[in-house]
Amino acid sequence: MSDCPTPPGQVRPVIDRNRCAAEGDCVRVCPYQVFAIGRLSADQRRALSLTGRIKTFVHRGRQAMTPNADACQACGRCVDACPEDAISLIGFPPG
């Protein structure tokens, strides 16, 4: 896509687990199928803040995941679409 400034693998979306509410907007807008909605593992749930644990409980443990993060081309549609401001794009490898 012409509005995606970066080749795949140079940028990755990072989800703030304490903010994600599994709305799925990122899944719908991503042209590269980077996102999916899935369940957090017990270890991931334990690492959340109290607010994050409550939010995740309300959403039955579901959150956005990035199973195809290496396909991201930094178009930013996911960042704009997320109602919780839970997604940021970082350079990869980070540094």
N, C-alpha and C. Protein backbone atom coordinates (compact mmCIF):
# COMPACT_ATOMS: atom_id res chain seq x y z
N MET A 1 0.85 -1.18 0.00
CA MET A 1 0.00 0.00 0.00
C MET A 1 0.89 1.24 0.00
N SER A 2 0.47 2.24 -0.73
CA SER A 2 1.30 3.42 -0.87
C SER A 2 1.38 4.26 0.40
N ASP A 3 0.41 4.13 1.32
CA ASP A 3 0.45 4.94 2.54
C ASP A 3 1.21 4.26 3.67
N CYS A 4 1.83 3.14 3.41
CA CYS A 4 2.62 2.44 4.42
C CYS A 4 4.09 2.71 4.15
N PRO A 5 4.73 3.48 5.02
CA PRO A 5 6.07 3.99 4.73
C PRO A 5 7.24 3.04 4.94
N THR A 6 7.02 1.89 5.53
CA THR A 6 8.13 1.06 5.96
C THR A 6 7.99 -0.37 5.44
N PRO A 7 9.09 -0.97 4.99
CA PRO A 7 9.04 -2.38 4.60
C PRO A 7 8.72 -3.27 5.81
N PRO A 8 8.13 -4.43 5.59
CA PRO A 8 7.82 -5.34 6.70
C PRO A 8 9.06 -5.68 7.52
N GLY A 9 8.84 -5.82 8.84
CA GLY A 9 9.90 -6.26 9.73
C GLY A 9 10.72 -5.16 10.38
N GLN A 10 10.53 -3.91 9.97
CA GLN A 10 11.30 -2.81 10.57
C GLN A 10 10.58 -2.12 11.71
N VAL A 11 9.27 -2.28 11.76
CA VAL A 11 8.44 -1.68 12.81
C VAL A 11 7.49 -2.75 13.31
N ARG A 12 7.21 -2.73 14.60
CA ARG A 12 6.25 -3.68 15.17
C ARG A 12 5.26 -2.95 16.06
N PRO A 13 4.01 -3.39 16.03
CA PRO A 13 3.03 -2.83 16.96
C PRO A 13 3.22 -3.46 18.34
N VAL A 14 3.11 -2.62 19.35
CA VAL A 14 3.19 -3.08 20.73
C VAL A 14 1.88 -2.71 21.41
N ILE A 15 1.28 -3.67 22.08
CA ILE A 15 -0.01 -3.47 22.74
C ILE A 15 0.21 -3.28 24.24
N ASP A 16 -0.34 -2.20 24.77
CA ASP A 16 -0.31 -1.96 26.21
C ASP A 16 -1.39 -2.86 26.82
N ARG A 17 -0.97 -3.93 27.44
CA ARG A 17 -1.88 -4.93 27.98
C ARG A 17 -2.81 -4.37 29.05
N ASN A 18 -2.40 -3.31 29.73
CA ASN A 18 -3.25 -2.72 30.76
C ASN A 18 -4.34 -1.83 30.16
N ARG A 19 -4.25 -1.52 28.88
CA ARG A 19 -5.23 -0.65 28.24
C ARG A 19 -6.15 -1.39 27.28
N CYS A 20 -5.69 -2.45 26.66
CA CYS A 20 -6.45 -3.13 25.60
C CYS A 20 -7.78 -3.67 26.14
N ALA A 21 -8.86 -3.39 25.39
CA ALA A 21 -10.19 -3.84 25.77
C ALA A 21 -10.78 -4.81 24.75
N ALA A 22 -9.95 -5.36 23.88
CA ALA A 22 -10.38 -6.38 22.90
C ALA A 22 -11.51 -5.89 22.00
N GLU A 23 -11.49 -4.62 21.66
CA GLU A 23 -12.54 -4.07 20.78
C GLU A 23 -12.43 -4.64 19.37
N GLY A 24 -11.22 -4.95 18.92
CA GLY A 24 -11.03 -5.56 17.61
C GLY A 24 -10.91 -4.58 16.46
N ASP A 25 -10.90 -3.28 16.75
CA ASP A 25 -10.76 -2.30 15.67
C ASP A 25 -9.44 -2.49 14.92
N CYS A 26 -8.39 -2.84 15.65
CA CYS A 26 -7.09 -3.06 15.01
C CYS A 26 -7.16 -4.22 14.02
N VAL A 27 -7.90 -5.25 14.37
CA VAL A 27 -8.06 -6.41 13.48
C VAL A 27 -8.75 -5.99 12.19
N ARG A 28 -9.79 -5.18 12.34
CA ARG A 28 -10.59 -4.76 11.18
C ARG A 28 -9.84 -3.82 10.24
N VAL A 29 -8.99 -2.94 10.77
CA VAL A 29 -8.36 -1.93 9.90
C VAL A 29 -7.01 -2.33 9.33
N CYS A 30 -6.36 -3.34 9.90
CA CYS A 30 -5.01 -3.69 9.46
C CYS A 30 -5.05 -4.39 8.09
N PRO A 31 -4.37 -3.79 7.09
CA PRO A 31 -4.37 -4.41 5.76
C PRO A 31 -3.43 -5.61 5.65
N TYR A 32 -2.65 -5.90 6.69
CA TYR A 32 -1.65 -6.97 6.63
C TYR A 32 -1.94 -8.12 7.61
N GLN A 33 -3.12 -8.13 8.20
CA GLN A 33 -3.54 -9.18 9.12
C GLN A 33 -2.53 -9.42 10.24
N VAL A 34 -2.03 -8.32 10.79
CA VAL A 34 -1.06 -8.39 11.89
C VAL A 34 -1.75 -8.82 13.19
N PHE A 35 -3.01 -8.43 13.38
CA PHE A 35 -3.70 -8.59 14.66
C PHE A 35 -4.71 -9.73 14.66
N ALA A 36 -4.98 -10.23 15.85
CA ALA A 36 -6.04 -11.19 16.11
C ALA A 36 -6.50 -10.96 17.55
N ILE A 37 -7.69 -11.38 17.86
CA ILE A 37 -8.17 -11.32 19.24
C ILE A 37 -7.99 -12.71 19.84
N GLY A 38 -7.36 -12.75 21.02
CA GLY A 38 -7.10 -14.02 21.68
C GLY A 38 -7.16 -13.87 23.18
N ARG A 39 -6.86 -14.92 23.87
CA ARG A 39 -6.88 -14.91 25.35
C ARG A 39 -5.47 -14.78 25.90
N LEU A 40 -5.35 -13.99 26.94
CA LEU A 40 -4.06 -13.85 27.62
C LEU A 40 -3.77 -15.12 28.41
N SER A 41 -2.50 -15.45 28.50
CA SER A 41 -2.09 -16.58 29.33
C SER A 41 -2.17 -16.16 30.80
N ALA A 42 -2.12 -17.13 31.68
CA ALA A 42 -2.14 -16.85 33.11
C ALA A 42 -0.96 -15.95 33.50
N ASP A 43 0.21 -16.19 32.94
CA ASP A 43 1.37 -15.35 33.24
C ASP A 43 1.15 -13.92 32.77
N GLN A 44 0.57 -13.75 31.59
CA GLN A 44 0.29 -12.40 31.10
C GLN A 44 -0.73 -11.69 31.99
N ARG A 45 -1.74 -12.39 32.44
CA ARG A 45 -2.75 -11.79 33.32
C ARG A 45 -2.13 -11.38 34.65
N ARG A 46 -1.24 -12.22 35.19
CA ARG A 46 -0.59 -11.90 36.47
C ARG A 46 0.28 -10.65 36.37
N ALA A 47 0.82 -10.37 35.20
CA ALA A 47 1.70 -9.22 35.02
C ALA A 47 0.94 -7.89 34.89
N LEU A 48 -0.38 -7.93 34.80
CA LEU A 48 -1.17 -6.72 34.63
C LEU A 48 -1.30 -5.94 35.94
N SER A 49 -1.57 -4.66 35.80
CA SER A 49 -1.91 -3.83 36.96
C SER A 49 -3.30 -4.24 37.43
N LEU A 50 -3.72 -3.76 38.58
CA LEU A 50 -5.05 -4.07 39.08
C LEU A 50 -6.12 -3.62 38.08
N THR A 51 -5.97 -2.43 37.55
CA THR A 51 -6.92 -1.93 36.56
C THR A 51 -6.92 -2.83 35.32
N GLY A 52 -5.74 -3.23 34.87
CA GLY A 52 -5.64 -4.11 33.71
C GLY A 52 -6.28 -5.46 33.95
N ARG A 53 -6.12 -6.00 35.17
CA ARG A 53 -6.74 -7.29 35.50
C ARG A 53 -8.26 -7.19 35.51
N ILE A 54 -8.76 -6.08 36.04
CA ILE A 54 -10.22 -5.89 36.06
C ILE A 54 -10.75 -5.77 34.64
N LYS A 55 -10.09 -4.95 33.83
CA LYS A 55 -10.51 -4.77 32.44
C LYS A 55 -10.47 -6.10 31.69
N THR A 56 -9.42 -6.86 31.89
CA THR A 56 -9.29 -8.14 31.21
C THR A 56 -10.35 -9.13 31.69
N PHE A 57 -10.65 -9.11 32.98
CA PHE A 57 -11.71 -9.96 33.52
C PHE A 57 -13.04 -9.65 32.86
N VAL A 58 -13.36 -8.37 32.73
CA VAL A 58 -14.62 -7.93 32.11
C VAL A 58 -14.70 -8.43 30.67
N HIS A 59 -13.56 -8.49 29.99
CA HIS A 59 -13.53 -8.92 28.59
C HIS A 59 -13.18 -10.40 28.46
N ARG A 60 -13.40 -11.16 29.53
CA ARG A 60 -13.21 -12.62 29.57
C ARG A 60 -11.80 -13.04 29.14
N GLY A 61 -10.81 -12.25 29.52
CA GLY A 61 -9.41 -12.61 29.25
C GLY A 61 -8.96 -12.34 27.83
N ARG A 62 -9.81 -11.74 27.03
CA ARG A 62 -9.49 -11.52 25.62
C ARG A 62 -8.83 -10.15 25.41
N GLN A 63 -7.87 -10.15 24.52
CA GLN A 63 -7.18 -8.93 24.11
C GLN A 63 -6.67 -9.09 22.69
N ALA A 64 -6.24 -7.98 22.13
CA ALA A 64 -5.61 -8.02 20.81
C ALA A 64 -4.24 -8.67 20.95
N MET A 65 -3.89 -9.45 19.96
CA MET A 65 -2.58 -10.10 19.88
C MET A 65 -1.95 -9.71 18.54
N THR A 66 -0.67 -9.92 18.42
CA THR A 66 0.04 -9.59 17.17
C THR A 66 0.76 -10.83 16.63
N PRO A 67 0.01 -11.84 16.19
CA PRO A 67 0.65 -13.06 15.71
C PRO A 67 1.47 -12.86 14.44
N ASN A 68 1.20 -11.81 13.69
CA ASN A 68 1.93 -11.53 12.46
C ASN A 68 2.62 -10.18 12.52
N ALA A 69 3.22 -9.87 13.67
CA ALA A 69 3.85 -8.56 13.87
C ALA A 69 4.92 -8.26 12.83
N ASP A 70 5.58 -9.28 12.32
CA ASP A 70 6.65 -9.04 11.35
C ASP A 70 6.11 -8.60 9.98
N ALA A 71 4.79 -8.63 9.79
CA ALA A 71 4.18 -8.16 8.54
C ALA A 71 3.84 -6.68 8.58
N CYS A 72 3.97 -6.05 9.75
CA CYS A 72 3.62 -4.64 9.92
C CYS A 72 4.45 -3.75 8.99
N GLN A 73 3.76 -2.80 8.35
CA GLN A 73 4.44 -1.84 7.47
C GLN A 73 4.24 -0.40 7.94
N ALA A 74 3.87 -0.22 9.20
CA ALA A 74 3.81 1.09 9.86
C ALA A 74 2.84 2.07 9.23
N CYS A 75 1.70 1.58 8.74
CA CYS A 75 0.71 2.51 8.18
C CYS A 75 0.03 3.32 9.27
N GLY A 76 0.01 2.80 10.51
CA GLY A 76 -0.57 3.53 11.64
C GLY A 76 -2.07 3.43 11.77
N ARG A 77 -2.72 2.67 10.92
CA ARG A 77 -4.18 2.54 11.00
C ARG A 77 -4.62 1.96 12.34
N CYS A 78 -3.87 1.00 12.86
CA CYS A 78 -4.21 0.39 14.14
C CYS A 78 -4.13 1.40 15.27
N VAL A 79 -3.10 2.23 15.25
CA VAL A 79 -2.91 3.25 16.28
C VAL A 79 -4.10 4.21 16.26
N ASP A 80 -4.47 4.66 15.07
CA ASP A 80 -5.59 5.60 14.94
C ASP A 80 -6.93 4.96 15.32
N ALA A 81 -7.10 3.68 15.04
CA ALA A 81 -8.38 3.01 15.26
C ALA A 81 -8.60 2.57 16.70
N CYS A 82 -7.56 2.39 17.47
CA CYS A 82 -7.70 1.85 18.83
C CYS A 82 -8.38 2.86 19.76
N PRO A 83 -9.57 2.56 20.26
CA PRO A 83 -10.27 3.49 21.14
C PRO A 83 -9.63 3.62 22.52
N GLU A 84 -8.76 2.70 22.87
CA GLU A 84 -8.11 2.71 24.18
C GLU A 84 -6.70 3.30 24.14
N ASP A 85 -6.25 3.72 22.96
CA ASP A 85 -4.86 4.20 22.79
C ASP A 85 -3.87 3.18 23.34
N ALA A 86 -4.11 1.91 23.02
CA ALA A 86 -3.29 0.83 23.57
C ALA A 86 -2.20 0.36 22.63
N ILE A 87 -2.10 0.93 21.43
CA ILE A 87 -1.13 0.44 20.45
C ILE A 87 -0.14 1.53 20.10
N SER A 88 1.13 1.15 20.09
CA SER A 88 2.18 2.04 19.59
C SER A 88 3.06 1.24 18.63
N LEU A 89 3.71 1.95 17.75
CA LEU A 89 4.62 1.32 16.79
C LEU A 89 6.04 1.61 17.21
N ILE A 90 6.86 0.58 17.27
CA ILE A 90 8.27 0.75 17.66
C ILE A 90 9.17 0.18 16.57
N GLY A 91 10.35 0.75 16.47
CA GLY A 91 11.33 0.21 15.55
C GLY A 91 11.77 -1.17 16.01
N PHE A 92 12.07 -2.03 15.05
CA PHE A 92 12.51 -3.38 15.40
C PHE A 92 13.77 -3.69 14.60
N PRO A 93 14.80 -4.20 15.20
CA PRO A 93 14.86 -4.47 16.62
C PRO A 93 14.88 -3.18 17.42
N PRO A 94 14.27 -3.22 18.62
CA PRO A 94 14.21 -2.01 19.45
C PRO A 94 15.61 -1.49 19.74
N GLY A 95 15.69 -0.19 19.81
CA GLY A 95 17.00 0.33 20.17
C GLY A 95 17.23 1.71 19.82
